[in-house]
Each structure stands twice: as C-alpha cells, then as structure tokens.
Amino acid sequence: LRKTKKMVIAVLMCKNNNKCYYSKGINLEVSMPTGSLCAERNAISTMLADNPSINRKDFKMIAVLSINITELKENDLNPINPCGSCKEWLKKIAEVNPKFKIINYKSEKCVNVYVTNVM
C-alpha cells in the first residue's frame, strides 16, 4: 500500500452443497505496468484457489470496506464501490447468479450497511 496508504478489504461468501465458504482479500498496490490487484479480485482468486469445486453460481455476496491504516480517524472512502475492472469481474458472476450482492459500509464501524445488486 505504498502508493495510496489506503487499505481495502473484501470478504466473499459462497455456498456449495449447503456449506458456506468465505475468503478474504486485500488490495495490493505495485508500481508495475500490469497494475495493482484489488481486494475483490484477490478474494475471488483466493476462493477459487482454496475451493476448486466452487462455480460462479455458488458466489452469493462480497463485502467491501476501506480501512484507514495511517491515522486513528474515520476514512472518507466508504462506502467504497468496486472499480471498473472489479465491476466487470462481478458482472461475469452476476450473469450466472443474478442475485449476487455487493455489501458496502458507511464507516469502519459497519453501522450503516448498503446492499446492491451487480446488474
């Protein structure tokens, strides 16, 4: 997080054979032509690496939250929405599972919750 000093975390929930699975991801910022890796795509990749039997139809929701790691005050990025690349990934999931949801929070206290459909 050396560029922006802004950490974003994502938690993905999947359900397969009546069992729930969760994976976490954080944004990884690198100074390379290939760009950075967002928390949402990191969580999706982790889920698939840990559970090869998971399919897009098993994806239920992803929660996204920005965490302030530089100061002990609330951060103004929340509610944070997926970037353009992540939206494209999430649209691919929603093509198979239209009920797939994005969960956002107003602050790190997770008091106000926003639930939206991808499509």
PDB file of N, CA and C in Angstrom:
ATOM      1  N   LEU A   1       0.831  -1.194   0.000  1.00  0.00           N
ATOM      2  CA  LEU A   1       0.000   0.000   0.000  1.00  0.00           C
ATOM      3  C   LEU A   1       0.866   1.244   0.000  1.00  0.00           C
ATOM      4  N   ARG A   2       2.008   1.151  -0.603  1.00  0.00           N
ATOM      5  CA  ARG A   2       2.964   2.248  -0.520  1.00  0.00           C
ATOM      6  C   ARG A   2       2.552   3.476  -1.300  1.00  0.00           C
ATOM      7  N   LYS A   3       1.674   3.323  -2.287  1.00  0.00           N
ATOM      8  CA  LYS A   3       1.259   4.493  -3.062  1.00  0.00           C
ATOM      9  C   LYS A   3       0.213   5.310  -2.325  1.00  0.00           C
ATOM     10  N   THR A   4      -0.936   4.731  -2.088  1.00  0.00           N
ATOM     11  CA  THR A   4      -2.055   5.496  -1.538  1.00  0.00           C
ATOM     12  C   THR A   4      -2.181   5.396  -0.028  1.00  0.00           C
ATOM     13  N   LYS A   5      -1.572   4.383   0.562  1.00  0.00           N
ATOM     14  CA  LYS A   5      -1.718   4.113   2.008  1.00  0.00           C
ATOM     15  C   LYS A   5      -3.176   3.851   2.369  1.00  0.00           C
ATOM     16  N   LYS A   6      -3.977   3.384   1.393  1.00  0.00           N
ATOM     17  CA  LYS A   6      -5.395   3.106   1.629  1.00  0.00           C
ATOM     18  C   LYS A   6      -5.642   1.614   1.469  1.00  0.00           C
ATOM     19  N   MET A   7      -5.959   0.968   2.573  1.00  0.00           N
ATOM     20  CA  MET A   7      -6.233  -0.460   2.535  1.00  0.00           C
ATOM     21  C   MET A   7      -7.719  -0.690   2.264  1.00  0.00           C
ATOM     22  N   VAL A   8      -7.982  -1.606   1.355  1.00  0.00           N
ATOM     23  CA  VAL A   8      -9.343  -2.045   1.088  1.00  0.00           C
ATOM     24  C   VAL A   8      -9.371  -3.540   1.359  1.00  0.00           C
ATOM     25  N   ILE A   9     -10.403  -3.970   2.093  1.00  0.00           N
ATOM     26  CA  ILE A   9     -10.569  -5.394   2.363  1.00  0.00           C
ATOM     27  C   ILE A   9     -11.878  -5.852   1.738  1.00  0.00           C
ATOM     28  N   ALA A  10     -11.915  -7.107   1.353  1.00  0.00           N
ATOM     29  CA  ALA A  10     -13.127  -7.701   0.798  1.00  0.00           C
ATOM     30  C   ALA A  10     -13.282  -9.094   1.384  1.00  0.00           C
ATOM     31  N   VAL A  11     -14.529  -9.475   1.637  1.00  0.00           N
ATOM     32  CA  VAL A  11     -14.847 -10.830   2.091  1.00  0.00           C
ATOM     33  C   VAL A  11     -15.911 -11.368   1.141  1.00  0.00           C
ATOM     34  N   LEU A  12     -15.612 -12.498   0.543  1.00  0.00           N
ATOM     35  CA  LEU A  12     -16.506 -13.142  -0.418  1.00  0.00           C
ATOM     36  C   LEU A  12     -17.172 -14.332   0.251  1.00  0.00           C
ATOM     37  N   MET A  13     -18.485 -14.476   0.055  1.00  0.00           N
ATOM     38  CA  MET A  13     -19.227 -15.631   0.575  1.00  0.00           C
ATOM     39  C   MET A  13     -19.737 -16.470  -0.581  1.00  0.00           C
ATOM     40  N   CYS A  14     -19.511 -17.759  -0.486  1.00  0.00           N
ATOM     41  CA  CYS A  14     -20.023 -18.716  -1.456  1.00  0.00           C
ATOM     42  C   CYS A  14     -20.771 -19.813  -0.706  1.00  0.00           C
ATOM     43  N   LYS A  15     -21.690 -20.443  -1.405  1.00  0.00           N
ATOM     44  CA  LYS A  15     -22.426 -21.566  -0.814  1.00  0.00           C
ATOM     45  C   LYS A  15     -22.466 -22.686  -1.835  1.00  0.00           C
ATOM     46  N   ASN A  16     -21.955 -23.863  -1.417  1.00  0.00           N
ATOM     47  CA  ASN A  16     -21.872 -25.020  -2.289  1.00  0.00           C
ATOM     48  C   ASN A  16     -22.252 -26.245  -1.466  1.00  0.00           C
ATOM     49  N   ASN A  17     -23.205 -27.020  -1.962  1.00  0.00           N
ATOM     50  CA  ASN A  17     -23.681 -28.215  -1.236  1.00  0.00           C
ATOM     51  C   ASN A  17     -24.100 -27.880   0.200  1.00  0.00           C
ATOM     52  N   ASN A  18     -24.840 -26.781   0.361  1.00  0.00           N
ATOM     53  CA  ASN A  18     -25.359 -26.321   1.656  1.00  0.00           C
ATOM     54  C   ASN A  18     -24.273 -25.983   2.669  1.00  0.00           C
ATOM     55  N   LYS A  19     -23.066 -25.741   2.213  1.00  0.00           N
ATOM     56  CA  LYS A  19     -21.977 -25.326   3.095  1.00  0.00           C
ATOM     57  C   LYS A  19     -21.488 -23.955   2.641  1.00  0.00           C
ATOM     58  N   CYS A  20     -21.309 -23.036   3.606  1.00  0.00           N
ATOM     59  CA  CYS A  20     -20.830 -21.688   3.288  1.00  0.00           C
ATOM     60  C   CYS A  20     -19.313 -21.633   3.354  1.00  0.00           C
ATOM     61  N   TYR A  21     -18.737 -20.916   2.418  1.00  0.00           N
ATOM     62  CA  TYR A  21     -17.294 -20.699   2.356  1.00  0.00           C
ATOM     63  C   TYR A  21     -17.042 -19.196   2.314  1.00  0.00           C
ATOM     64  N   TYR A  22     -15.968 -18.771   2.958  1.00  0.00           N
ATOM     65  CA  TYR A  22     -15.598 -17.356   2.978  1.00  0.00           C
ATOM     66  C   TYR A  22     -14.132 -17.226   2.587  1.00  0.00           C
ATOM     67  N   SER A  23     -13.832 -16.187   1.836  1.00  0.00           N
ATOM     68  CA  SER A  23     -12.434 -15.882   1.555  1.00  0.00           C
ATOM     69  C   SER A  23     -12.238 -14.381   1.695  1.00  0.00           C
ATOM     70  N   LYS A  24     -11.026 -14.007   2.080  1.00  0.00           N
ATOM     71  CA  LYS A  24     -10.677 -12.602   2.295  1.00  0.00           C
ATOM     72  C   LYS A  24      -9.685 -12.164   1.235  1.00  0.00           C
ATOM     73  N   GLY A  25      -9.697 -10.876   0.961  1.00  0.00           N
ATOM     74  CA  GLY A  25      -8.721 -10.303   0.052  1.00  0.00           C
ATOM     75  C   GLY A  25      -8.432  -8.870   0.443  1.00  0.00           C
ATOM     76  N   ILE A  26      -7.236  -8.412   0.128  1.00  0.00           N
ATOM     77  CA  ILE A  26      -6.871  -7.008   0.329  1.00  0.00           C
ATOM     78  C   ILE A  26      -6.326  -6.476  -0.988  1.00  0.00           C
ATOM     79  N   ASN A  27      -6.345  -5.144  -1.117  1.00  0.00           N
ATOM     80  CA  ASN A  27      -5.760  -4.549  -2.319  1.00  0.00           C
ATOM     81  C   ASN A  27      -4.242  -4.593  -2.195  1.00  0.00           C
ATOM     82  N   LEU A  28      -3.591  -4.830  -3.310  1.00  0.00           N
ATOM     83  CA  LEU A  28      -2.133  -4.886  -3.356  1.00  0.00           C
ATOM     84  C   LEU A  28      -1.667  -3.901  -4.414  1.00  0.00           C
ATOM     85  N   GLU A  29      -1.008  -2.851  -3.971  1.00  0.00           N
ATOM     86  CA  GLU A  29      -0.558  -1.816  -4.896  1.00  0.00           C
ATOM     87  C   GLU A  29       0.901  -2.049  -5.257  1.00  0.00           C
ATOM     88  N   VAL A  30       1.151  -2.102  -6.558  1.00  0.00           N
ATOM     89  CA  VAL A  30       2.512  -2.268  -7.041  1.00  0.00           C
ATOM     90  C   VAL A  30       2.756  -1.282  -8.177  1.00  0.00           C
ATOM     91  N   SER A  31       3.992  -0.856  -8.307  1.00  0.00           N
ATOM     92  CA  SER A  31       4.354   0.066  -9.396  1.00  0.00           C
ATOM     93  C   SER A  31       4.860  -0.756 -10.576  1.00  0.00           C
ATOM     94  N   MET A  32       3.925  -1.326 -11.308  1.00  0.00           N
ATOM     95  CA  MET A  32       4.257  -2.140 -12.466  1.00  0.00           C
ATOM     96  C   MET A  32       3.247  -1.844 -13.566  1.00  0.00           C
ATOM     97  N   PRO A  33       3.612  -2.064 -14.810  1.00  0.00           N
ATOM     98  CA  PRO A  33       2.676  -1.825 -15.908  1.00  0.00           C
ATOM     99  C   PRO A  33       1.401  -2.663 -15.801  1.00  0.00           C
ATOM    100  N   THR A  34       1.485  -3.830 -15.143  1.00  0.00           N
ATOM    101  CA  THR A  34       0.305  -4.684 -15.021  1.00  0.00           C
ATOM    102  C   THR A  34      -0.688  -4.135 -14.011  1.00  0.00           C
ATOM    103  N   GLY A  35      -0.286  -3.170 -13.216  1.00  0.00           N
ATOM    104  CA  GLY A  35      -1.198  -2.543 -12.263  1.00  0.00           C
ATOM    105  C   GLY A  35      -1.297  -3.274 -10.947  1.00  0.00           C
ATOM    106  N   SER A  36      -2.242  -2.833 -10.166  1.00  0.00           N
ATOM    107  CA  SER A  36      -2.444  -3.367  -8.824  1.00  0.00           C
ATOM    108  C   SER A  36      -3.529  -4.429  -8.833  1.00  0.00           C
ATOM    109  N   LEU A  37      -3.654  -5.119  -7.711  1.00  0.00           N
ATOM    110  CA  LEU A  37      -4.692  -6.124  -7.545  1.00  0.00           C
ATOM    111  C   LEU A  37      -5.672  -5.623  -6.494  1.00  0.00           C
ATOM    112  N   CYS A  38      -6.929  -5.520  -6.852  1.00  0.00           N
ATOM    113  CA  CYS A  38      -7.960  -5.029  -5.939  1.00  0.00           C
ATOM    114  C   CYS A  38      -8.371  -6.126  -4.962  1.00  0.00           C
ATOM    115  N   ALA A  39      -8.957  -5.713  -3.858  1.00  0.00           N
ATOM    116  CA  ALA A  39      -9.386  -6.640  -2.808  1.00  0.00           C
ATOM    117  C   ALA A  39     -10.429  -7.633  -3.328  1.00  0.00           C
ATOM    118  N   GLU A  40     -11.361  -7.151  -4.152  1.00  0.00           N
ATOM    119  CA  GLU A  40     -12.424  -8.025  -4.650  1.00  0.00           C
ATOM    120  C   GLU A  40     -11.858  -9.161  -5.505  1.00  0.00           C
ATOM    121  N   ARG A  41     -10.980  -8.822  -6.436  1.00  0.00           N
ATOM    122  CA  ARG A  41     -10.397  -9.847  -7.303  1.00  0.00           C
ATOM    123  C   ARG A  41      -9.482 -10.764  -6.515  1.00  0.00           C
ATOM    124  N   ASN A  42      -8.823 -10.227  -5.496  1.00  0.00           N
ATOM    125  CA  ASN A  42      -7.985 -11.042  -4.624  1.00  0.00           C
ATOM    126  C   ASN A  42      -8.838 -12.072  -3.878  1.00  0.00           C
ATOM    127  N   ALA A  43      -9.993 -11.650  -3.339  1.00  0.00           N
ATOM    128  CA  ALA A  43     -10.886 -12.566  -2.618  1.00  0.00           C
ATOM    129  C   ALA A  43     -11.442 -13.647  -3.553  1.00  0.00           C
ATOM    130  N   ILE A  44     -11.805 -13.261  -4.778  1.00  0.00           N
ATOM    131  CA  ILE A  44     -12.318 -14.229  -5.748  1.00  0.00           C
ATOM    132  C   ILE A  44     -11.245 -15.258  -6.081  1.00  0.00           C
ATOM    133  N   SER A  45     -10.035 -14.805  -6.342  1.00  0.00           N
ATOM    134  CA  SER A  45      -8.931 -15.724  -6.678  1.00  0.00           C
ATOM    135  C   SER A  45      -8.625 -16.661  -5.523  1.00  0.00           C
ATOM    136  N   THR A  46      -8.625 -16.132  -4.316  1.00  0.00           N
ATOM    137  CA  THR A  46      -8.366 -16.958  -3.134  1.00  0.00           C
ATOM    138  C   THR A  46      -9.439 -18.029  -2.975  1.00  0.00           C
ATOM    139  N   MET A  47     -10.707 -17.635  -3.183  1.00  0.00           N
ATOM    140  CA  MET A  47     -11.812 -18.606  -3.065  1.00  0.00           C
ATOM    141  C   MET A  47     -11.618 -19.751  -4.046  1.00  0.00           C
ATOM    142  N   LEU A  48     -11.319 -19.423  -5.289  1.00  0.00           N
ATOM    143  CA  LEU A  48     -11.177 -20.459  -6.308  1.00  0.00           C
ATOM    144  C   LEU A  48      -9.939 -21.317  -6.090  1.00  0.00           C
ATOM    145  N   ALA A  49      -8.869 -20.720  -5.575  1.00  0.00           N
ATOM    146  CA  ALA A  49      -7.661 -21.496  -5.293  1.00  0.00           C
ATOM    147  C   ALA A  49      -7.879 -22.450  -4.116  1.00  0.00           C
ATOM    148  N   ASP A  50      -8.631 -21.994  -3.116  1.00  0.00           N
ATOM    149  CA  ASP A  50      -8.879 -22.822  -1.924  1.00  0.00           C
ATOM    150  C   ASP A  50      -9.968 -23.868  -2.133  1.00  0.00           C
ATOM    151  N   ASN A  51     -10.894 -23.594  -3.062  1.00  0.00           N
ATOM    152  CA  ASN A  51     -12.050 -24.470  -3.271  1.00  0.00           C
ATOM    153  C   ASN A  51     -12.288 -24.675  -4.766  1.00  0.00           C
ATOM    154  N   PRO A  52     -11.532 -25.551  -5.403  1.00  0.00           N
ATOM    155  CA  PRO A  52     -11.649 -25.727  -6.858  1.00  0.00           C
ATOM    156  C   PRO A  52     -13.034 -26.160  -7.337  1.00  0.00           C
ATOM    157  N   SER A  53     -13.864 -26.708  -6.454  1.00  0.00           N
ATOM    158  CA  SER A  53     -15.201 -27.154  -6.875  1.00  0.00           C
ATOM    159  C   SER A  53     -16.220 -26.018  -6.916  1.00  0.00           C
ATOM    160  N   ILE A  54     -15.838 -24.821  -6.444  1.00  0.00           N
ATOM    161  CA  ILE A  54     -16.738 -23.658  -6.443  1.00  0.00           C
ATOM    162  C   ILE A  54     -16.939 -23.169  -7.882  1.00  0.00           C
ATOM    163  N   ASN A  55     -18.176 -22.833  -8.210  1.00  0.00           N
ATOM    164  CA  ASN A  55     -18.521 -22.259  -9.515  1.00  0.00           C
ATOM    165  C   ASN A  55     -19.086 -20.864  -9.315  1.00  0.00           C
ATOM    166  N   ARG A  56     -19.190 -20.101 -10.401  1.00  0.00           N
ATOM    167  CA  ARG A  56     -19.750 -18.740 -10.302  1.00  0.00           C
ATOM    168  C   ARG A  56     -21.151 -18.745  -9.707  1.00  0.00           C
ATOM    169  N   LYS A  57     -21.942 -19.755  -9.984  1.00  0.00           N
ATOM    170  CA  LYS A  57     -23.303 -19.803  -9.445  1.00  0.00           C
ATOM    171  C   LYS A  57     -23.311 -19.927  -7.924  1.00  0.00           C
ATOM    172  N   ASP A  58     -22.200 -20.377  -7.329  1.00  0.00           N
ATOM    173  CA  ASP A  58     -22.100 -20.539  -5.883  1.00  0.00           C
ATOM    174  C   ASP A  58     -21.773 -19.234  -5.162  1.00  0.00           C
ATOM    175  N   PHE A  59     -21.329 -18.221  -5.907  1.00  0.00           N
ATOM    176  CA  PHE A  59     -20.963 -16.940  -5.295  1.00  0.00           C
ATOM    177  C   PHE A  59     -22.239 -16.236  -4.848  1.00  0.00           C
ATOM    178  N   LYS A  60     -22.296 -15.793  -3.600  1.00  0.00           N
ATOM    179  CA  LYS A  60     -23.513 -15.167  -3.056  1.00  0.00           C
ATOM    180  C   LYS A  60     -23.362 -13.664  -2.852  1.00  0.00           C
ATOM    181  N   MET A  61     -22.272 -13.233  -2.252  1.00  0.00           N
ATOM    182  CA  MET A  61     -22.087 -11.803  -1.989  1.00  0.00           C
ATOM    183  C   MET A  61     -20.631 -11.504  -1.680  1.00  0.00           C
ATOM    184  N   ILE A  62     -20.286 -10.218  -1.838  1.00  0.00           N
ATOM    185  CA  ILE A  62     -18.955  -9.751  -1.478  1.00  0.00           C
ATOM    186  C   ILE A  62     -19.105  -8.452  -0.696  1.00  0.00           C
ATOM    187  N   ALA A  63     -18.427  -8.381   0.440  1.00  0.00           N
ATOM    188  CA  ALA A  63     -18.435  -7.175   1.269  1.00  0.00           C
ATOM    189  C   ALA A  63     -17.122  -6.439   1.050  1.00  0.00           C
ATOM    190  N   VAL A  64     -17.198  -5.110   0.935  1.00  0.00           N
ATOM    191  CA  VAL A  64     -16.021  -4.291   0.645  1.00  0.00           C
ATOM    192  C   VAL A  64     -15.966  -3.125   1.636  1.00  0.00           C
ATOM    193  N   LEU A  65     -14.773  -2.891   2.204  1.00  0.00           N
ATOM    194  CA  LEU A  65     -14.601  -1.828   3.193  1.00  0.00           C
ATOM    195  C   LEU A  65     -13.193  -1.259   3.096  1.00  0.00           C
ATOM    196  N   SER A  66     -13.090   0.057   3.140  1.00  0.00           N
ATOM    197  CA  SER A  66     -11.781   0.714   3.176  1.00  0.00           C
ATOM    198  C   SER A  66     -11.409   0.944   4.638  1.00  0.00           C
ATOM    199  N   ILE A  67     -10.164   0.639   4.959  1.00  0.00           N
ATOM    200  CA  ILE A  67      -9.664   0.779   6.329  1.00  0.00           C
ATOM    201  C   ILE A  67      -8.569   1.825   6.334  1.00  0.00           C
ATOM    202  N   ASN A  68      -8.646   2.761   7.271  1.00  0.00           N
ATOM    203  CA  ASN A  68      -7.612   3.784   7.406  1.00  0.00           C
ATOM    204  C   ASN A  68      -6.474   3.214   8.243  1.00  0.00           C
ATOM    205  N   ILE A  69      -5.310   3.025   7.631  1.00  0.00           N
ATOM    206  CA  ILE A  69      -4.180   2.444   8.364  1.00  0.00           C
ATOM    207  C   ILE A  69      -3.145   3.487   8.778  1.00  0.00           C
ATOM    208  N   THR A  70      -3.366   4.743   8.409  1.00  0.00           N
ATOM    209  CA  THR A  70      -2.363   5.762   8.714  1.00  0.00           C
ATOM    210  C   THR A  70      -2.732   6.637   9.896  1.00  0.00           C
ATOM    211  N   GLU A  71      -4.013   6.770  10.195  1.00  0.00           N
ATOM    212  CA  GLU A  71      -4.439   7.644  11.280  1.00  0.00           C
ATOM    213  C   GLU A  71      -5.585   6.986  12.032  1.00  0.00           C
ATOM    214  N   LEU A  72      -5.818   7.427  13.245  1.00  0.00           N
ATOM    215  CA  LEU A  72      -6.907   6.887  14.043  1.00  0.00           C
ATOM    216  C   LEU A  72      -8.174   7.722  13.879  1.00  0.00           C
ATOM    217  N   LYS A  73      -8.515   8.009  12.660  1.00  0.00           N
ATOM    218  CA  LYS A  73      -9.754   8.719  12.389  1.00  0.00           C
ATOM    219  C   LYS A  73     -10.487   7.992  11.267  1.00  0.00           C
ATOM    220  N   GLU A  74     -11.766   8.265  11.144  1.00  0.00           N
ATOM    221  CA  GLU A  74     -12.539   7.580  10.124  1.00  0.00           C
ATOM    222  C   GLU A  74     -12.111   8.021   8.739  1.00  0.00           C
ATOM    223  N   ASN A  75     -12.255   7.148   7.813  1.00  0.00           N
ATOM    224  CA  ASN A  75     -11.795   7.375   6.469  1.00  0.00           C
ATOM    225  C   ASN A  75     -12.985   7.766   5.606  1.00  0.00           C
ATOM    226  N   ASP A  76     -12.755   8.606   4.653  1.00  0.00           N
ATOM    227  CA  ASP A  76     -13.853   9.149   3.846  1.00  0.00           C
ATOM    228  C   ASP A  76     -14.086   8.383   2.544  1.00  0.00           C
ATOM    229  N   LEU A  77     -13.453   7.240   2.367  1.00  0.00           N
ATOM    230  CA  LEU A  77     -13.647   6.464   1.137  1.00  0.00           C
ATOM    231  C   LEU A  77     -14.920   5.621   1.161  1.00  0.00           C
ATOM    232  N   ASN A  78     -15.424   5.354   2.347  1.00  0.00           N
ATOM    233  CA  ASN A  78     -16.598   4.490   2.469  1.00  0.00           C
ATOM    234  C   ASN A  78     -17.884   5.278   2.287  1.00  0.00           C
ATOM    235  N   PRO A  79     -18.920   4.715   1.750  1.00  0.00           N
ATOM    236  CA  PRO A  79     -18.923   3.366   1.181  1.00  0.00           C
ATOM    237  C   PRO A  79     -18.133   3.332  -0.127  1.00  0.00           C
ATOM    238  N   ILE A  80     -17.275   2.341  -0.242  1.00  0.00           N
ATOM    239  CA  ILE A  80     -16.406   2.234  -1.412  1.00  0.00           C
ATOM    240  C   ILE A  80     -17.002   1.216  -2.387  1.00  0.00           C
ATOM    241  N   ASN A  81     -17.094   1.602  -3.618  1.00  0.00           N
ATOM    242  CA  ASN A  81     -17.635   0.727  -4.659  1.00  0.00           C
ATOM    243  C   ASN A  81     -16.510   0.096  -5.453  1.00  0.00           C
ATOM    244  N   PRO A  82     -16.760  -1.072  -6.052  1.00  0.00           N
ATOM    245  CA  PRO A  82     -15.737  -1.716  -6.870  1.00  0.00           C
ATOM    246  C   PRO A  82     -15.309  -0.825  -8.041  1.00  0.00           C
ATOM    247  N   CYS A  83     -14.056  -0.927  -8.409  1.00  0.00           N
ATOM    248  CA  CYS A  83     -13.530  -0.181  -9.557  1.00  0.00           C
ATOM    249  C   CYS A  83     -14.077  -0.791 -10.850  1.00  0.00           C
ATOM    250  N   GLY A  84     -13.757  -0.202 -11.971  1.00  0.00           N
ATOM    251  CA  GLY A  84     -14.245  -0.684 -13.260  1.00  0.00           C
ATOM    252  C   GLY A  84     -13.854  -2.120 -13.561  1.00  0.00           C
ATOM    253  N   SER A  85     -12.607  -2.480 -13.295  1.00  0.00           N
ATOM    254  CA  SER A  85     -12.167  -3.860 -13.551  1.00  0.00           C
ATOM    255  C   SER A  85     -12.914  -4.850 -12.675  1.00  0.00           C
ATOM    256  N   CYS A  86     -13.067  -4.506 -11.407  1.00  0.00           N
ATOM    257  CA  CYS A  86     -13.780  -5.403 -10.490  1.00  0.00           C
ATOM    258  C   CYS A  86     -15.252  -5.508 -10.878  1.00  0.00           C
ATOM    259  N   LYS A  87     -15.847  -4.409 -11.307  1.00  0.00           N
ATOM    260  CA  LYS A  87     -17.249  -4.458 -11.741  1.00  0.00           C
ATOM    261  C   LYS A  87     -17.414  -5.438 -12.896  1.00  0.00           C
ATOM    262  N   GLU A  88     -16.443  -5.460 -13.813  1.00  0.00           N
ATOM    263  CA  GLU A  88     -16.512  -6.398 -14.935  1.00  0.00           C
ATOM    264  C   GLU A  88     -16.452  -7.842 -14.442  1.00  0.00           C
ATOM    265  N   TRP A  89     -15.580  -8.116 -13.482  1.00  0.00           N
ATOM    266  CA  TRP A  89     -15.497  -9.459 -12.899  1.00  0.00           C
ATOM    267  C   TRP A  89     -16.821  -9.814 -12.228  1.00  0.00           C
ATOM    268  N   LEU A  90     -17.369  -8.871 -11.445  1.00  0.00           N
ATOM    269  CA  LEU A  90     -18.606  -9.135 -10.712  1.00  0.00           C
ATOM    270  C   LEU A  90     -19.787  -9.301 -11.666  1.00  0.00           C
ATOM    271  N   LYS A  91     -19.765  -8.611 -12.791  1.00  0.00           N
ATOM    272  CA  LYS A  91     -20.820  -8.786 -13.800  1.00  0.00           C
ATOM    273  C   LYS A  91     -20.780 -10.200 -14.368  1.00  0.00           C
ATOM    274  N   LYS A  92     -19.591 -10.759 -14.537  1.00  0.00           N
ATOM    275  CA  LYS A  92     -19.464 -12.141 -15.020  1.00  0.00           C
ATOM    276  C   LYS A  92     -20.093 -13.114 -14.022  1.00  0.00           C
ATOM    277  N   ILE A  93     -19.941 -12.835 -12.741  1.00  0.00           N
ATOM    278  CA  ILE A  93     -20.573 -13.669 -11.714  1.00  0.00           C
ATOM    279  C   ILE A  93     -22.087 -13.497 -11.792  1.00  0.00           C
ATOM    280  N   ALA A  94     -22.551 -12.253 -11.897  1.00  0.00           N
ATOM    281  CA  ALA A  94     -23.989 -11.960 -11.914  1.00  0.00           C
ATOM    282  C   ALA A  94     -24.679 -12.514 -13.159  1.00  0.00           C
ATOM    283  N   GLU A  95     -23.946 -12.735 -14.248  1.00  0.00           N
ATOM    284  CA  GLU A  95     -24.533 -13.345 -15.438  1.00  0.00           C
ATOM    285  C   GLU A  95     -25.072 -14.735 -15.119  1.00  0.00           C
ATOM    286  N   VAL A  96     -24.366 -15.437 -14.241  1.00  0.00           N
ATOM    287  CA  VAL A  96     -24.740 -16.792 -13.850  1.00  0.00           C
ATOM    288  C   VAL A  96     -25.612 -16.776 -12.600  1.00  0.00           C
ATOM    289  N   ASN A  97     -25.401 -15.789 -11.726  1.00  0.00           N
ATOM    290  CA  ASN A  97     -26.136 -15.678 -10.472  1.00  0.00           C
ATOM    291  C   ASN A  97     -26.626 -14.236 -10.306  1.00  0.00           C
ATOM    292  N   PRO A  98     -27.789 -13.906 -10.869  1.00  0.00           N
ATOM    293  CA  PRO A  98     -28.289 -12.522 -10.815  1.00  0.00           C
ATOM    294  C   PRO A  98     -28.557 -12.005  -9.402  1.00  0.00           C
ATOM    295  N   LYS A  99     -28.628 -12.888  -8.425  1.00  0.00           N
ATOM    296  CA  LYS A  99     -28.876 -12.465  -7.035  1.00  0.00           C
ATOM    297  C   LYS A  99     -27.585 -12.102  -6.295  1.00  0.00           C
ATOM    298  N   PHE A 100     -26.457 -12.183  -6.967  1.00  0.00           N
ATOM    299  CA  PHE A 100     -25.179 -11.845  -6.340  1.00  0.00           C
ATOM    300  C   PHE A 100     -25.217 -10.401  -5.853  1.00  0.00           C
ATOM    301  N   LYS A 101     -24.765 -10.152  -4.641  1.00  0.00           N
ATOM    302  CA  LYS A 101     -24.858  -8.836  -3.999  1.00  0.00           C
ATOM    303  C   LYS A 101     -23.482  -8.264  -3.659  1.00  0.00           C
ATOM    304  N   ILE A 102     -23.433  -6.925  -3.625  1.00  0.00           N
ATOM    305  CA  ILE A 102     -22.265  -6.203  -3.115  1.00  0.00           C
ATOM    306  C   ILE A 102     -22.703  -5.536  -1.817  1.00  0.00           C
ATOM    307  N   ILE A 103     -21.924  -5.721  -0.767  1.00  0.00           N
ATOM    308  CA  ILE A 103     -22.207  -5.136   0.542  1.00  0.00           C
ATOM    309  C   ILE A 103     -21.158  -4.054   0.800  1.00  0.00           C
ATOM    310  N   ASN A 104     -21.616  -2.862   1.147  1.00  0.00           N
ATOM    311  CA  ASN A 104     -20.726  -1.737   1.487  1.00  0.00           C
ATOM    312  C   ASN A 104     -21.141  -1.176   2.846  1.00  0.00           C
ATOM    313  N   TYR A 105     -20.236  -0.458   3.452  1.00  0.00           N
ATOM    314  CA  TYR A 105     -20.479   0.136   4.763  1.00  0.00           C
ATOM    315  C   TYR A 105     -20.137   1.617   4.725  1.00  0.00           C
ATOM    316  N   LYS A 106     -20.849   2.400   5.539  1.00  0.00           N
ATOM    317  CA  LYS A 106     -20.587   3.842   5.589  1.00  0.00           C
ATOM    318  C   LYS A 106     -19.273   4.148   6.293  1.00  0.00           C
ATOM    319  N   SER A 107     -18.901   3.309   7.267  1.00  0.00           N
ATOM    320  CA  SER A 107     -17.671   3.557   8.023  1.00  0.00           C
ATOM    321  C   SER A 107     -17.085   2.232   8.493  1.00  0.00           C
ATOM    322  N   GLU A 108     -15.921   2.331   9.087  1.00  0.00           N
ATOM    323  CA  GLU A 108     -15.245   1.150   9.616  1.00  0.00           C
ATOM    324  C   GLU A 108     -16.012   0.528  10.777  1.00  0.00           C
ATOM    325  N   LYS A 109     -16.952   1.260  11.359  1.00  0.00           N
ATOM    326  CA  LYS A 109     -17.778   0.726  12.445  1.00  0.00           C
ATOM    327  C   LYS A 109     -18.858  -0.210  11.912  1.00  0.00           C
ATOM    328  N   CYS A 110     -19.043  -0.217  10.604  1.00  0.00           N
ATOM    329  CA  CYS A 110     -20.009  -1.094   9.928  1.00  0.00           C
ATOM    330  C   CYS A 110     -21.436  -0.889  10.440  1.00  0.00           C
ATOM    331  N   VAL A 111     -21.758   0.350  10.793  1.00  0.00           N
ATOM    332  CA  VAL A 111     -23.094   0.661  11.316  1.00  0.00           C
ATOM    333  C   VAL A 111     -24.117   0.714  10.189  1.00  0.00           C
ATOM    334  N   ASN A 112     -23.873   1.486   9.167  1.00  0.00           N
ATOM    335  CA  ASN A 112     -24.783   1.575   8.018  1.00  0.00           C
ATOM    336  C   ASN A 112     -24.316   0.588   6.955  1.00  0.00           C
ATOM    337  N   VAL A 113     -25.238  -0.256   6.523  1.00  0.00           N
ATOM    338  CA  VAL A 113     -24.921  -1.271   5.537  1.00  0.00           C
ATOM    339  C   VAL A 113     -25.702  -0.991   4.259  1.00  0.00           C
ATOM    340  N   TYR A 114     -25.019  -1.073   3.119  1.00  0.00           N
ATOM    341  CA  TYR A 114     -25.639  -0.856   1.815  1.00  0.00           C
ATOM    342  C   TYR A 114     -25.530  -2.159   1.026  1.00  0.00           C
ATOM    343  N   VAL A 115     -26.656  -2.641   0.527  1.00  0.00           N
ATOM    344  CA  VAL A 115     -26.687  -3.873  -0.245  1.00  0.00           C
ATOM    345  C   VAL A 115     -27.178  -3.541  -1.653  1.00  0.00           C
ATOM    346  N   THR A 116     -26.375  -3.897  -2.659  1.00  0.00           N
ATOM    347  CA  THR A 116     -26.754  -3.609  -4.042  1.00  0.00           C
ATOM    348  C   THR A 116     -26.546  -4.834  -4.915  1.00  0.00           C
ATOM    349  N   ASN A 117     -27.332  -4.910  -5.974  1.00  0.00           N
ATOM    350  CA  ASN A 117     -27.133  -5.943  -6.978  1.00  0.00           C
ATOM    351  C   ASN A 117     -26.088  -5.456  -7.962  1.00  0.00           C
ATOM    352  N   VAL A 118     -25.397  -6.371  -8.578  1.00  0.00           N
ATOM    353  CA  VAL A 118     -24.384  -6.014  -9.570  1.00  0.00           C
ATOM    354  C   VAL A 118     -25.049  -5.526 -10.843  1.00  0.00           C
ATOM    355  N   MET A 119     -26.076  -6.211 -11.272  1.00  0.00           N
ATOM    356  CA  MET A 119     -26.741  -5.880 -12.533  1.00  0.00           C
ATOM    357  C   MET A 119     -27.822  -4.847 -12.319  1.00  0.00           C
TER     358      MET A 119
END
